[in-house]
Protein backbone atom coordinates (compact mmCIF):
# COMPACT_ATOMS: atom_id res chain seq x y z
CA MET A 1 -22.25 -9.50 -18.58
CA GLN A 2 -19.21 -10.98 -16.83
CA GLY A 3 -17.15 -7.95 -17.83
CA GLU A 4 -19.69 -5.68 -16.19
CA ILE A 5 -19.61 -7.70 -12.97
CA PHE A 6 -15.81 -7.56 -12.96
CA LYS A 7 -15.86 -3.79 -13.50
CA ARG A 8 -18.30 -3.32 -10.61
CA LEU A 9 -16.21 -5.54 -8.36
CA LEU A 10 -13.08 -3.62 -9.29
CA TYR A 11 -14.87 -0.31 -8.71
CA GLY A 12 -15.96 -1.52 -5.27
CA LEU A 13 -12.42 -2.62 -4.45
CA HIS A 14 -11.07 0.79 -5.49
CA ARG A 15 -13.63 2.59 -3.32
CA PHE A 16 -12.74 0.30 -0.41
CA GLU A 17 -9.05 1.18 -0.84
CA ASP A 18 -9.84 4.87 -1.00
CA GLY A 19 -12.07 4.63 2.06
CA ALA A 20 -9.46 2.71 4.05
CA LEU A 21 -6.80 5.29 3.14
CA ILE A 22 -9.03 8.23 4.05
CA SER A 23 -10.13 6.56 7.30
CA ALA A 24 -6.55 5.77 8.33
CA LEU A 25 -5.34 9.29 7.54
CA ALA A 26 -8.31 10.95 9.28
CA SER A 27 -7.90 8.70 12.33
CA MET A 28 -4.22 9.50 12.45
CA LEU A 29 -4.84 13.25 12.35
CA ILE A 30 -7.70 13.22 14.87
CA LEU A 31 -5.87 11.00 17.35
CA ALA A 32 -2.69 13.08 17.11
CA ILE A 33 -4.62 16.32 17.71
CA VAL A 34 -6.56 14.82 20.63
CA GLN A 35 -3.37 13.41 22.17
CA ILE A 36 -1.59 16.77 21.87
CA ALA A 37 -4.57 18.58 23.38
CA LEU A 38 -4.84 16.10 26.26
CA ARG A 39 -1.13 16.35 27.01
CA ASN A 40 -0.92 20.15 26.84
CA ILE A 41 -4.24 21.02 28.49
CA LEU A 42 -4.94 18.22 30.97
CA ASP A 43 -1.46 16.73 31.46
CA THR A 44 -2.78 13.32 30.50
CA GLY A 45 -3.24 11.20 27.39
CA PHE A 46 -3.81 7.72 26.09
CA LEU A 47 -0.91 5.32 26.56
CA TRP A 48 -1.60 3.38 23.35
CA VAL A 49 -1.94 6.32 20.92
CA GLU A 50 1.73 6.70 19.96
CA SER A 51 2.04 3.02 19.06
CA PHE A 52 -1.25 3.12 17.17
CA LEU A 53 -0.14 6.22 15.26
CA ARG A 54 3.06 4.45 14.18
CA ILE A 55 0.95 1.60 12.83
CA LEU A 56 -1.35 4.06 11.06
CA VAL A 57 1.68 5.65 9.38
CA LEU A 58 2.58 2.22 8.00
CA TRP A 59 -0.98 1.65 6.79
CA VAL A 60 -1.24 5.10 5.19
CA ALA A 61 2.07 4.55 3.40
CA ILE A 62 1.09 1.14 2.00
CA LEU A 63 -2.47 2.13 1.14
CA GLY A 64 -1.16 5.31 -0.50
CA ALA A 65 1.33 3.26 -2.52
CA MET A 66 -1.47 0.92 -3.60
CA VAL A 67 -3.61 3.85 -4.77
CA ALA A 68 -0.64 5.51 -6.48
CA THR A 69 0.09 2.26 -8.32
CA ARG A 70 -3.54 1.96 -9.33
CA GLU A 71 -3.61 5.51 -10.67
CA LYS A 72 -0.11 5.16 -12.21
CA ASN A 73 1.09 8.07 -10.08
CA HIS A 74 3.88 6.12 -8.46
CA ILE A 75 7.50 7.21 -8.55
CA ASN A 76 9.17 6.41 -11.86
CA ILE A 77 12.85 6.48 -12.60
CA ASP A 78 12.64 7.13 -16.30
CA ALA A 79 15.77 9.02 -17.24
CA LEU A 80 16.42 6.71 -20.20
CA SER A 81 12.85 6.47 -21.45
CA ARG A 82 12.50 10.25 -21.76
CA TYR A 83 15.13 10.35 -24.49
CA ALA A 84 14.59 6.94 -26.07
CA PRO A 85 12.73 6.44 -29.33
CA ARG A 86 9.13 5.20 -29.04
CA GLY A 87 9.88 1.52 -29.70
CA LEU A 88 12.66 1.40 -27.14
CA ARG A 89 10.54 3.41 -24.70
CA LEU A 90 7.87 0.69 -24.74
CA VAL A 91 10.52 -1.98 -24.09
CA LEU A 92 11.93 0.07 -21.20
CA GLN A 93 8.42 0.54 -19.74
CA LEU A 94 7.80 -3.18 -20.00
CA CYS A 95 11.12 -3.99 -18.29
CA THR A 96 10.59 -1.50 -15.47
CA SER A 97 7.01 -2.66 -14.89
CA LEU A 98 8.11 -6.30 -14.78
CA PHE A 99 11.02 -5.44 -12.47
CA ALA A 100 8.64 -3.57 -10.14
CA ALA A 101 6.17 -6.48 -10.22
CA VAL A 102 8.85 -9.03 -9.35
CA THR A 103 10.28 -6.79 -6.62
CA CYS A 104 6.85 -6.24 -5.03
CA ALA A 105 6.10 -9.98 -5.24
CA ILE A 106 9.38 -10.80 -3.47
CA VAL A 107 8.70 -8.22 -0.76
CA SER A 108 5.18 -9.62 -0.34
CA TRP A 109 6.54 -13.16 -0.01
CA TYR A 110 9.11 -12.24 2.61
CA SER A 111 6.68 -10.06 4.52
CA ILE A 112 4.49 -13.14 4.92
CA GLU A 113 7.47 -14.87 6.50
CA PHE A 114 8.05 -11.83 8.70
CA ILE A 115 4.43 -11.87 9.87
CA GLN A 116 4.66 -15.58 10.62
CA PHE A 117 7.58 -14.84 12.96
CA GLU A 118 5.57 -12.09 14.62
CA TYR A 119 2.64 -14.47 15.01
CA GLU A 120 4.89 -17.06 16.66
CA ASP A 121 6.36 -14.45 19.03
CA GLN A 122 2.88 -13.16 19.98
CA THR A 123 4.14 -9.63 20.57
CA ILE A 124 1.60 -6.89 21.29
CA ALA A 125 1.61 -3.67 19.26
CA PHE A 126 -0.78 -1.62 21.42
CA ALA A 127 -3.67 -2.30 23.78
CA SER A 128 -4.12 -6.05 23.22
CA VAL A 129 -3.71 -6.01 19.45
CA PRO A 130 -1.01 -8.40 18.20
CA THR A 131 1.79 -6.95 16.09
CA TRP A 132 1.20 -9.41 13.24
CA VAL A 133 -2.34 -8.04 12.75
CA CYS A 134 -1.00 -4.52 12.40
CA GLN A 135 1.65 -5.62 9.91
CA SER A 136 -0.74 -7.67 7.80
CA ILE A 137 -1.02 -4.75 5.37
CA LEU A 138 2.52 -5.46 4.13
CA PRO A 139 1.97 -8.70 2.16
CA ILE A 140 -1.48 -7.59 1.03
CA GLY A 141 -0.30 -4.21 -0.20
CA PHE A 142 2.81 -5.48 -1.96
CA ALA A 143 0.85 -8.33 -3.57
CA VAL A 144 -1.71 -5.87 -4.91
CA MET A 145 1.07 -3.64 -6.24
CA ALA A 146 2.79 -6.66 -7.84
CA VAL A 147 -0.42 -7.59 -9.64
CA ARG A 148 -0.96 -4.01 -10.78
CA PHE A 149 2.59 -3.67 -12.10
CA ALA A 150 2.31 -7.04 -13.88
CA TYR A 151 -1.03 -6.06 -15.38
CA GLY A 152 0.48 -2.72 -16.43
CA ALA A 153 3.33 -4.54 -18.18
CA VAL A 154 0.91 -6.81 -20.04
CA ALA A 155 -1.37 -3.87 -20.87
CA ASP A 156 1.57 -1.87 -22.22
CA PHE A 157 2.77 -4.85 -24.26
CA PHE A 158 -0.62 -5.47 -25.88
CA GLY A 159 -1.57 -1.81 -26.12
CA TRP A 160 -4.58 -2.04 -23.80
CA SER A 161 -5.71 1.15 -22.17
């Protein structure tokens, strides 16, 4: 029963991630096309769109990395593991997954510090949206990736699928 609830919660979280990624990418494309059309046809445009598009690029990159990590389609540097025997390959996978988990956790930690500085400075990204709100995807995304890499390491170690 609890396993089923956890699976449904995880499924909902995955759909939320996918929806956020699709929404950010679609918004980015639509706003860019509208801005180009307004500039070329009417010699006008929205002042805030360029800044918002830069933020959307950040969000698409982090959300895309989160989905890639979830699907295990992230970039791997596996030159050694291709030629290693099976036993050593599992050890190398475990080491690289743990290294990636620790690296993502460190980046998440320091991005929290970075956002705290942005909060203290009260800088504005676009319109009246504070910069720290726009950058809040950084610690969230890297924390999620750290957990997924750590889980992947444990799953590889115990042979879970």
